[in-house]
Amino acid sequence: MRTAWSYAWATLWMLRAIEASQVKAGQVQVDFENKVVKLYIAKSKTDQKGAGVWRTLGCCKQQCCTRERPLALAIKATNDLNNQGKGRPTFP
């Protein structure tokens, strides 16, 4: 099941395979109040200085938040890690 989640995550965030495989649990932040998910990408093809970049996706405001949406997928993925450390891959 994690393979499908990983693919959906990469698609939602428009990540290349190498970027998607390097996402750590500590690089995903969920703001429940504003229904926003932030993702820190430490290394990117377009980040020539290597400073890293934050991307943000907000809730689509639909009544039902299904797992193919960024907020629901982030919550499921981070909860599935059972607080095993921020350095652990989000999709092992």
PDB file of N, CA and C in Angstrom:
ATOM      1  N   MET A   1       0.826  -1.194   0.000  1.00  0.00           N
ATOM      2  CA  MET A   1       0.000   0.000   0.000  1.00  0.00           C
ATOM      3  C   MET A   1       0.867   1.254   0.000  1.00  0.00           C
ATOM      4  N   ARG A   2       2.012   1.197   0.639  1.00  0.00           N
ATOM      5  CA  ARG A   2       2.894   2.354   0.689  1.00  0.00           C
ATOM      6  C   ARG A   2       3.386   2.763  -0.695  1.00  0.00           C
ATOM      7  N   THR A   3       3.511   1.805  -1.592  1.00  0.00           N
ATOM      8  CA  THR A   3       3.962   2.118  -2.951  1.00  0.00           C
ATOM      9  C   THR A   3       2.955   3.037  -3.638  1.00  0.00           C
ATOM     10  N   ALA A   4       1.688   2.736  -3.490  1.00  0.00           N
ATOM     11  CA  ALA A   4       0.646   3.583  -4.075  1.00  0.00           C
ATOM     12  C   ALA A   4       0.641   4.960  -3.430  1.00  0.00           C
ATOM     13  N   TRP A   5       0.824   5.026  -2.115  1.00  0.00           N
ATOM     14  CA  TRP A   5       0.873   6.314  -1.416  1.00  0.00           C
ATOM     15  C   TRP A   5       2.061   7.131  -1.914  1.00  0.00           C
ATOM     16  N   SER A   6       3.205   6.475  -2.059  1.00  0.00           N
ATOM     17  CA  SER A   6       4.412   7.155  -2.524  1.00  0.00           C
ATOM     18  C   SER A   6       4.209   7.729  -3.920  1.00  0.00           C
ATOM     19  N   TYR A   7       3.583   6.958  -4.785  1.00  0.00           N
ATOM     20  CA  TYR A   7       3.312   7.424  -6.141  1.00  0.00           C
ATOM     21  C   TYR A   7       2.349   8.614  -6.119  1.00  0.00           C
ATOM     22  N   ALA A   8       1.299   8.500  -5.324  1.00  0.00           N
ATOM     23  CA  ALA A   8       0.327   9.597  -5.218  1.00  0.00           C
ATOM     24  C   ALA A   8       0.994  10.857  -4.671  1.00  0.00           C
ATOM     25  N   TRP A   9       1.856  10.688  -3.674  1.00  0.00           N
ATOM     26  CA  TRP A   9       2.580  11.814  -3.065  1.00  0.00           C
ATOM     27  C   TRP A   9       3.446  12.514  -4.106  1.00  0.00           C
ATOM     28  N   ALA A  10       4.210  11.730  -4.855  1.00  0.00           N
ATOM     29  CA  ALA A  10       5.091  12.294  -5.877  1.00  0.00           C
ATOM     30  C   ALA A  10       4.278  13.023  -6.954  1.00  0.00           C
ATOM     31  N   THR A  11       3.142  12.470  -7.302  1.00  0.00           N
ATOM     32  CA  THR A  11       2.293  13.091  -8.319  1.00  0.00           C
ATOM     33  C   THR A  11       1.701  14.404  -7.819  1.00  0.00           C
ATOM     34  N   LEU A  12       1.182  14.408  -6.599  1.00  0.00           N
ATOM     35  CA  LEU A  12       0.582  15.625  -6.039  1.00  0.00           C
ATOM     36  C   LEU A  12       1.582  16.770  -5.926  1.00  0.00           C
ATOM     37  N   TRP A  13       2.796  16.443  -5.525  1.00  0.00           N
ATOM     38  CA  TRP A  13       3.812  17.463  -5.301  1.00  0.00           C
ATOM     39  C   TRP A  13       4.704  17.685  -6.525  1.00  0.00           C
ATOM     40  N   MET A  14       4.443  16.940  -7.612  1.00  0.00           N
ATOM     41  CA  MET A  14       5.244  17.008  -8.837  1.00  0.00           C
ATOM     42  C   MET A  14       6.734  16.791  -8.541  1.00  0.00           C
ATOM     43  N   LEU A  15       7.007  15.698  -7.828  1.00  0.00           N
ATOM     44  CA  LEU A  15       8.377  15.360  -7.466  1.00  0.00           C
ATOM     45  C   LEU A  15       8.962  14.345  -8.437  1.00  0.00           C
ATOM     46  N   ARG A  16      10.241  14.460  -8.692  1.00  0.00           N
ATOM     47  CA  ARG A  16      10.941  13.422  -9.432  1.00  0.00           C
ATOM     48  C   ARG A  16      11.171  12.263  -8.472  1.00  0.00           C
ATOM     49  N   ALA A  17      11.482  11.108  -8.990  1.00  0.00           N
ATOM     50  CA  ALA A  17      11.651   9.907  -8.160  1.00  0.00           C
ATOM     51  C   ALA A  17      12.708  10.101  -7.087  1.00  0.00           C
ATOM     52  N   ILE A  18      13.815  10.723  -7.420  1.00  0.00           N
ATOM     53  CA  ILE A  18      14.887  10.909  -6.436  1.00  0.00           C
ATOM     54  C   ILE A  18      14.447  11.850  -5.321  1.00  0.00           C
ATOM     55  N   GLU A  19      13.666  12.870  -5.650  1.00  0.00           N
ATOM     56  CA  GLU A  19      13.164  13.789  -4.626  1.00  0.00           C
ATOM     57  C   GLU A  19      12.146  13.083  -3.730  1.00  0.00           C
ATOM     58  N   ALA A  20      11.253  12.328  -4.333  1.00  0.00           N
ATOM     59  CA  ALA A  20      10.214  11.629  -3.577  1.00  0.00           C
ATOM     60  C   ALA A  20      10.817  10.607  -2.619  1.00  0.00           C
ATOM     61  N   SER A  21      11.855   9.928  -3.038  1.00  0.00           N
ATOM     62  CA  SER A  21      12.456   8.892  -2.198  1.00  0.00           C
ATOM     63  C   SER A  21      13.236   9.465  -1.025  1.00  0.00           C
ATOM     64  N   GLN A  22      13.586  10.733  -1.076  1.00  0.00           N
ATOM     65  CA  GLN A  22      14.379  11.349  -0.022  1.00  0.00           C
ATOM     66  C   GLN A  22      13.558  12.145   0.985  1.00  0.00           C
ATOM     67  N   VAL A  23      12.237  12.156   0.857  1.00  0.00           N
ATOM     68  CA  VAL A  23      11.386  12.904   1.790  1.00  0.00           C
ATOM     69  C   VAL A  23      11.397  12.211   3.147  1.00  0.00           C
ATOM     70  N   LYS A  24      11.767  12.969   4.178  1.00  0.00           N
ATOM     71  CA  LYS A  24      11.792  12.463   5.555  1.00  0.00           C
ATOM     72  C   LYS A  24      10.552  12.956   6.298  1.00  0.00           C
ATOM     73  N   ALA A  25      10.202  12.249   7.343  1.00  0.00           N
ATOM     74  CA  ALA A  25       9.004  12.595   8.121  1.00  0.00           C
ATOM     75  C   ALA A  25       9.073  14.023   8.658  1.00  0.00           C
ATOM     76  N   GLY A  26      10.251  14.480   9.038  1.00  0.00           N
ATOM     77  CA  GLY A  26      10.405  15.827   9.582  1.00  0.00           C
ATOM     78  C   GLY A  26      10.286  16.929   8.548  1.00  0.00           C
ATOM     79  N   GLN A  27      10.234  16.562   7.276  1.00  0.00           N
ATOM     80  CA  GLN A  27      10.129  17.550   6.208  1.00  0.00           C
ATOM     81  C   GLN A  27       8.680  17.782   5.793  1.00  0.00           C
ATOM     82  N   VAL A  28       7.758  17.136   6.466  1.00  0.00           N
ATOM     83  CA  VAL A  28       6.331  17.299   6.178  1.00  0.00           C
ATOM     84  C   VAL A  28       5.668  17.952   7.383  1.00  0.00           C
ATOM     85  N   GLN A  29       5.025  19.076   7.160  1.00  0.00           N
ATOM     86  CA  GLN A  29       4.320  19.782   8.230  1.00  0.00           C
ATOM     87  C   GLN A  29       2.850  19.913   7.851  1.00  0.00           C
ATOM     88  N   VAL A  30       1.984  19.554   8.791  1.00  0.00           N
ATOM     89  CA  VAL A  30       0.542  19.648   8.565  1.00  0.00           C
ATOM     90  C   VAL A  30      -0.016  20.705   9.512  1.00  0.00           C
ATOM     91  N   ASP A  31      -0.666  21.701   8.941  1.00  0.00           N
ATOM     92  CA  ASP A  31      -1.331  22.752   9.713  1.00  0.00           C
ATOM     93  C   ASP A  31      -2.826  22.449   9.677  1.00  0.00           C
ATOM     94  N   PHE A  32      -3.324  21.851  10.772  1.00  0.00           N
ATOM     95  CA  PHE A  32      -4.726  21.426  10.823  1.00  0.00           C
ATOM     96  C   PHE A  32      -5.685  22.602  10.835  1.00  0.00           C
ATOM     97  N   GLU A  33      -5.295  23.684  11.478  1.00  0.00           N
ATOM     98  CA  GLU A  33      -6.181  24.843  11.588  1.00  0.00           C
ATOM     99  C   GLU A  33      -6.460  25.475  10.223  1.00  0.00           C
ATOM    100  N   ASN A  34      -5.420  25.650   9.428  1.00  0.00           N
ATOM    101  CA  ASN A  34      -5.565  26.272   8.108  1.00  0.00           C
ATOM    102  C   ASN A  34      -5.714  25.253   6.983  1.00  0.00           C
ATOM    103  N   LYS A  35      -5.655  23.968   7.316  1.00  0.00           N
ATOM    104  CA  LYS A  35      -5.751  22.873   6.355  1.00  0.00           C
ATOM    105  C   LYS A  35      -4.738  23.031   5.225  1.00  0.00           C
ATOM    106  N   VAL A  36      -3.468  23.106   5.641  1.00  0.00           N
ATOM    107  CA  VAL A  36      -2.364  23.301   4.725  1.00  0.00           C
ATOM    108  C   VAL A  36      -1.287  22.265   5.007  1.00  0.00           C
ATOM    109  N   VAL A  37      -0.634  21.776   3.952  1.00  0.00           N
ATOM    110  CA  VAL A  37       0.491  20.854   4.084  1.00  0.00           C
ATOM    111  C   VAL A  37       1.711  21.532   3.483  1.00  0.00           C
ATOM    112  N   LYS A  38       2.828  21.485   4.217  1.00  0.00           N
ATOM    113  CA  LYS A  38       4.081  22.042   3.727  1.00  0.00           C
ATOM    114  C   LYS A  38       5.086  20.913   3.587  1.00  0.00           C
ATOM    115  N   LEU A  39       5.848  20.976   2.519  1.00  0.00           N
ATOM    116  CA  LEU A  39       6.863  19.973   2.248  1.00  0.00           C
ATOM    117  C   LEU A  39       8.183  20.678   1.994  1.00  0.00           C
ATOM    118  N   TYR A  40       9.221  20.272   2.730  1.00  0.00           N
ATOM    119  CA  TYR A  40      10.559  20.824   2.517  1.00  0.00           C
ATOM    120  C   TYR A  40      11.329  19.886   1.600  1.00  0.00           C
ATOM    121  N   ILE A  41      11.825  20.429   0.508  1.00  0.00           N
ATOM    122  CA  ILE A  41      12.627  19.647  -0.423  1.00  0.00           C
ATOM    123  C   ILE A  41      14.064  20.125  -0.285  1.00  0.00           C
ATOM    124  N   ALA A  42      14.899  19.272   0.293  1.00  0.00           N
ATOM    125  CA  ALA A  42      16.275  19.656   0.596  1.00  0.00           C
ATOM    126  C   ALA A  42      17.124  19.806  -0.662  1.00  0.00           C
ATOM    127  N   LYS A  43      16.933  18.921  -1.621  1.00  0.00           N
ATOM    128  CA  LYS A  43      17.704  18.973  -2.862  1.00  0.00           C
ATOM    129  C   LYS A  43      16.750  18.908  -4.035  1.00  0.00           C
ATOM    130  N   SER A  44      16.951  19.811  -4.969  1.00  0.00           N
ATOM    131  CA  SER A  44      16.092  19.852  -6.138  1.00  0.00           C
ATOM    132  C   SER A  44      16.919  20.205  -7.363  1.00  0.00           C
ATOM    133  N   LYS A  45      16.486  19.749  -8.496  1.00  0.00           N
ATOM    134  CA  LYS A  45      17.180  20.020  -9.749  1.00  0.00           C
ATOM    135  C   LYS A  45      17.242  21.524 -10.031  1.00  0.00           C
ATOM    136  N   THR A  46      16.206  22.240  -9.668  1.00  0.00           N
ATOM    137  CA  THR A  46      16.155  23.677  -9.950  1.00  0.00           C
ATOM    138  C   THR A  46      16.749  24.535  -8.838  1.00  0.00           C
ATOM    139  N   ASP A  47      17.157  23.923  -7.740  1.00  0.00           N
ATOM    140  CA  ASP A  47      17.743  24.649  -6.604  1.00  0.00           C
ATOM    141  C   ASP A  47      19.269  24.624  -6.734  1.00  0.00           C
ATOM    142  N   GLN A  48      19.804  25.498  -7.571  1.00  0.00           N
ATOM    143  CA  GLN A  48      21.232  25.489  -7.887  1.00  0.00           C
ATOM    144  C   GLN A  48      22.123  25.830  -6.694  1.00  0.00           C
ATOM    145  N   LYS A  49      21.613  26.587  -5.741  1.00  0.00           N
ATOM    146  CA  LYS A  49      22.400  26.950  -4.559  1.00  0.00           C
ATOM    147  C   LYS A  49      22.336  25.884  -3.479  1.00  0.00           C
ATOM    148  N   GLY A  50      21.428  24.939  -3.595  1.00  0.00           N
ATOM    149  CA  GLY A  50      21.304  23.867  -2.614  1.00  0.00           C
ATOM    150  C   GLY A  50      20.752  24.330  -1.272  1.00  0.00           C
ATOM    151  N   ALA A  51      19.971  25.395  -1.273  1.00  0.00           N
ATOM    152  CA  ALA A  51      19.421  25.944  -0.033  1.00  0.00           C
ATOM    153  C   ALA A  51      18.156  25.213   0.411  1.00  0.00           C
ATOM    154  N   GLY A  52      17.541  24.473  -0.477  1.00  0.00           N
ATOM    155  CA  GLY A  52      16.282  23.818  -0.144  1.00  0.00           C
ATOM    156  C   GLY A  52      15.114  24.754  -0.380  1.00  0.00           C
ATOM    157  N   VAL A  53      13.935  24.179  -0.473  1.00  0.00           N
ATOM    158  CA  VAL A  53      12.752  24.980  -0.757  1.00  0.00           C
ATOM    159  C   VAL A  53      11.538  24.359  -0.063  1.00  0.00           C
ATOM    160  N   TRP A  54      10.632  25.211   0.408  1.00  0.00           N
ATOM    161  CA  TRP A  54       9.362  24.763   0.978  1.00  0.00           C
ATOM    162  C   TRP A  54       8.292  24.898  -0.090  1.00  0.00           C
ATOM    163  N   ARG A  55       7.472  23.875  -0.218  1.00  0.00           N
ATOM    164  CA  ARG A  55       6.289  23.931  -1.080  1.00  0.00           C
ATOM    165  C   ARG A  55       5.065  23.808  -0.173  1.00  0.00           C
ATOM    166  N   THR A  56       3.984  24.433  -0.581  1.00  0.00           N
ATOM    167  CA  THR A  56       2.763  24.432   0.220  1.00  0.00           C
ATOM    168  C   THR A  56       1.563  24.084  -0.653  1.00  0.00           C
ATOM    169  N   LEU A  57       0.732  23.180  -0.149  1.00  0.00           N
ATOM    170  CA  LEU A  57      -0.527  22.851  -0.811  1.00  0.00           C
ATOM    171  C   LEU A  57      -1.651  23.003   0.211  1.00  0.00           C
ATOM    172  N   GLY A  58      -2.710  23.673  -0.196  1.00  0.00           N
ATOM    173  CA  GLY A  58      -3.835  23.882   0.694  1.00  0.00           C
ATOM    174  C   GLY A  58      -4.982  22.936   0.391  1.00  0.00           C
ATOM    175  N   CYS A  59      -5.930  22.940   1.268  1.00  0.00           N
ATOM    176  CA  CYS A  59      -7.127  22.115   1.133  1.00  0.00           C
ATOM    177  C   CYS A  59      -7.972  22.634  -0.026  1.00  0.00           C
ATOM    178  N   CYS A  60      -8.626  21.705  -0.718  1.00  0.00           N
ATOM    179  CA  CYS A  60      -9.454  22.086  -1.863  1.00  0.00           C
ATOM    180  C   CYS A  60     -10.871  22.498  -1.436  1.00  0.00           C
ATOM    181  N   LYS A  61     -11.148  22.427  -0.145  1.00  0.00           N
ATOM    182  CA  LYS A  61     -12.434  22.847   0.438  1.00  0.00           C
ATOM    183  C   LYS A  61     -13.620  21.974   0.049  1.00  0.00           C
ATOM    184  N   GLN A  62     -13.363  20.757  -0.444  1.00  0.00           N
ATOM    185  CA  GLN A  62     -14.443  19.816  -0.717  1.00  0.00           C
ATOM    186  C   GLN A  62     -14.964  19.265   0.611  1.00  0.00           C
ATOM    187  N   GLN A  63     -16.175  18.809   0.625  1.00  0.00           N
ATOM    188  CA  GLN A  63     -16.776  18.316   1.859  1.00  0.00           C
ATOM    189  C   GLN A  63     -16.062  17.063   2.379  1.00  0.00           C
ATOM    190  N   CYS A  64     -15.663  16.190   1.478  1.00  0.00           N
ATOM    191  CA  CYS A  64     -15.001  14.949   1.867  1.00  0.00           C
ATOM    192  C   CYS A  64     -13.531  15.007   1.467  1.00  0.00           C
ATOM    193  N   CYS A  65     -12.645  14.829   2.432  1.00  0.00           N
ATOM    194  CA  CYS A  65     -11.209  14.862   2.158  1.00  0.00           C
ATOM    195  C   CYS A  65     -10.725  13.420   1.952  1.00  0.00           C
ATOM    196  N   THR A  66     -10.643  13.008   0.699  1.00  0.00           N
ATOM    197  CA  THR A  66     -10.235  11.648   0.380  1.00  0.00           C
ATOM    198  C   THR A  66      -8.717  11.532   0.339  1.00  0.00           C
ATOM    199  N   ARG A  67      -8.227  10.300   0.383  1.00  0.00           N
ATOM    200  CA  ARG A  67      -6.796  10.088   0.544  1.00  0.00           C
ATOM    201  C   ARG A  67      -5.947  10.474  -0.654  1.00  0.00           C
ATOM    202  N   GLU A  68      -6.549  10.791  -1.788  1.00  0.00           N
ATOM    203  CA  GLU A  68      -5.734  11.248  -2.902  1.00  0.00           C
ATOM    204  C   GLU A  68      -5.478  12.759  -2.861  1.00  0.00           C
ATOM    205  N   ARG A  69      -5.956  13.391  -1.827  1.00  0.00           N
ATOM    206  CA  ARG A  69      -5.718  14.826  -1.645  1.00  0.00           C
ATOM    207  C   ARG A  69      -4.535  15.029  -0.697  1.00  0.00           C
ATOM    208  N   PRO A  70      -3.774  16.107  -0.877  1.00  0.00           N
ATOM    209  CA  PRO A  70      -2.538  16.307  -0.110  1.00  0.00           C
ATOM    210  C   PRO A  70      -2.708  16.246   1.408  1.00  0.00           C
ATOM    211  N   LEU A  71      -3.735  16.900   1.941  1.00  0.00           N
ATOM    212  CA  LEU A  71      -3.921  16.932   3.390  1.00  0.00           C
ATOM    213  C   LEU A  71      -4.200  15.545   3.942  1.00  0.00           C
ATOM    214  N   ALA A  72      -5.122  14.831   3.352  1.00  0.00           N
ATOM    215  CA  ALA A  72      -5.463  13.490   3.834  1.00  0.00           C
ATOM    216  C   ALA A  72      -4.292  12.528   3.692  1.00  0.00           C
ATOM    217  N   LEU A  73      -3.583  12.602   2.592  1.00  0.00           N
ATOM    218  CA  LEU A  73      -2.444  11.712   2.376  1.00  0.00           C
ATOM    219  C   LEU A  73      -1.316  12.013   3.353  1.00  0.00           C
ATOM    220  N   ALA A  74      -1.073  13.278   3.638  1.00  0.00           N
ATOM    221  CA  ALA A  74      -0.035  13.654   4.603  1.00  0.00           C
ATOM    222  C   ALA A  74      -0.386  13.142   5.998  1.00  0.00           C
ATOM    223  N   ILE A  75      -1.644  13.257   6.374  1.00  0.00           N
ATOM    224  CA  ILE A  75      -2.070  12.787   7.692  1.00  0.00           C
ATOM    225  C   ILE A  75      -1.920  11.274   7.785  1.00  0.00           C
ATOM    226  N   LYS A  76      -2.368  10.551   6.766  1.00  0.00           N
ATOM    227  CA  LYS A  76      -2.249   9.091   6.775  1.00  0.00           C
ATOM    228  C   LYS A  76      -0.796   8.644   6.811  1.00  0.00           C
ATOM    229  N   ALA A  77       0.039   9.268   6.004  1.00  0.00           N
ATOM    230  CA  ALA A  77       1.447   8.864   5.921  1.00  0.00           C
ATOM    231  C   ALA A  77       2.192   9.144   7.219  1.00  0.00           C
ATOM    232  N   THR A  78       1.984  10.317   7.806  1.00  0.00           N
ATOM    233  CA  THR A  78       2.690  10.641   9.047  1.00  0.00           C
ATOM    234  C   THR A  78       2.149   9.834  10.222  1.00  0.00           C
ATOM    235  N   ASN A  79       0.853   9.575  10.257  1.00  0.00           N
ATOM    236  CA  ASN A  79       0.298   8.732  11.324  1.00  0.00           C
ATOM    237  C   ASN A  79       0.784   7.295  11.211  1.00  0.00           C
ATOM    238  N   ASP A  80       0.986   6.830   9.994  1.00  0.00           N
ATOM    239  CA  ASP A  80       1.434   5.462   9.771  1.00  0.00           C
ATOM    240  C   ASP A  80       2.864   5.230  10.268  1.00  0.00           C
ATOM    241  N   LEU A  81       3.626   6.310  10.407  1.00  0.00           N
ATOM    242  CA  LEU A  81       5.010   6.191  10.888  1.00  0.00           C
ATOM    243  C   LEU A  81       5.079   5.993  12.401  1.00  0.00           C
ATOM    244  N   ASN A  82       3.972   6.214  13.105  1.00  0.00           N
ATOM    245  CA  ASN A  82       3.892   6.004  14.555  1.00  0.00           C
ATOM    246  C   ASN A  82       4.962   6.763  15.336  1.00  0.00           C
ATOM    247  N   ASN A  83       5.237   8.006  14.934  1.00  0.00           N
ATOM    248  CA  ASN A  83       6.212   8.858  15.640  1.00  0.00           C
ATOM    249  C   ASN A  83       7.557   8.166  15.844  1.00  0.00           C
ATOM    250  N   GLN A  84       8.051   7.493  14.822  1.00  0.00           N
ATOM    251  CA  GLN A  84       9.310   6.766  14.936  1.00  0.00           C
ATOM    252  C   GLN A  84      10.528   7.623  14.605  1.00  0.00           C
ATOM    253  N   GLY A  85      10.377   8.890  14.497  1.00  0.00           N
ATOM    254  CA  GLY A  85      11.501   9.779  14.267  1.00  0.00           C
ATOM    255  C   GLY A  85      11.352  10.622  13.020  1.00  0.00           C
ATOM    256  N   LYS A  86      11.787  11.868  13.134  1.00  0.00           N
ATOM    257  CA  LYS A  86      11.653  12.807  12.027  1.00  0.00           C
ATOM    258  C   LYS A  86      12.638  12.528  10.902  1.00  0.00           C
ATOM    259  N   GLY A  87      13.695  11.763  11.182  1.00  0.00           N
ATOM    260  CA  GLY A  87      14.673  11.443  10.170  1.00  0.00           C
ATOM    261  C   GLY A  87      14.321  10.222   9.349  1.00  0.00           C
ATOM    262  N   ARG A  88      13.224   9.580   9.699  1.00  0.00           N
ATOM    263  CA  ARG A  88      12.799   8.372   8.991  1.00  0.00           C
ATOM    264  C   ARG A  88      12.126   8.738   7.672  1.00  0.00           C
ATOM    265  N   PRO A  89      12.346   7.945   6.620  1.00  0.00           N
ATOM    266  CA  PRO A  89      11.679   8.234   5.347  1.00  0.00           C
ATOM    267  C   PRO A  89      10.153   8.204   5.489  1.00  0.00           C
ATOM    268  N   THR A  90       9.480   9.121   4.838  1.00  0.00           N
ATOM    269  CA  THR A  90       8.029   9.167   4.900  1.00  0.00           C
ATOM    270  C   THR A  90       7.410   7.949   4.252  1.00  0.00           C
ATOM    271  N   PHE A  91       8.049   7.463   3.194  1.00  0.00           N
ATOM    272  CA  PHE A  91       7.561   6.276   2.496  1.00  0.00           C
ATOM    273  C   PHE A  91       8.694   5.258   2.406  1.00  0.00           C
ATOM    274  N   PRO A  92       8.924   4.500   3.499  1.00  0.00           N
ATOM    275  CA  PRO A  92      10.035   3.546   3.504  1.00  0.00           C
ATOM    276  C   PRO A  92       9.819   2.395   2.526  1.00  0.00           C
TER     277      PRO A  92
END
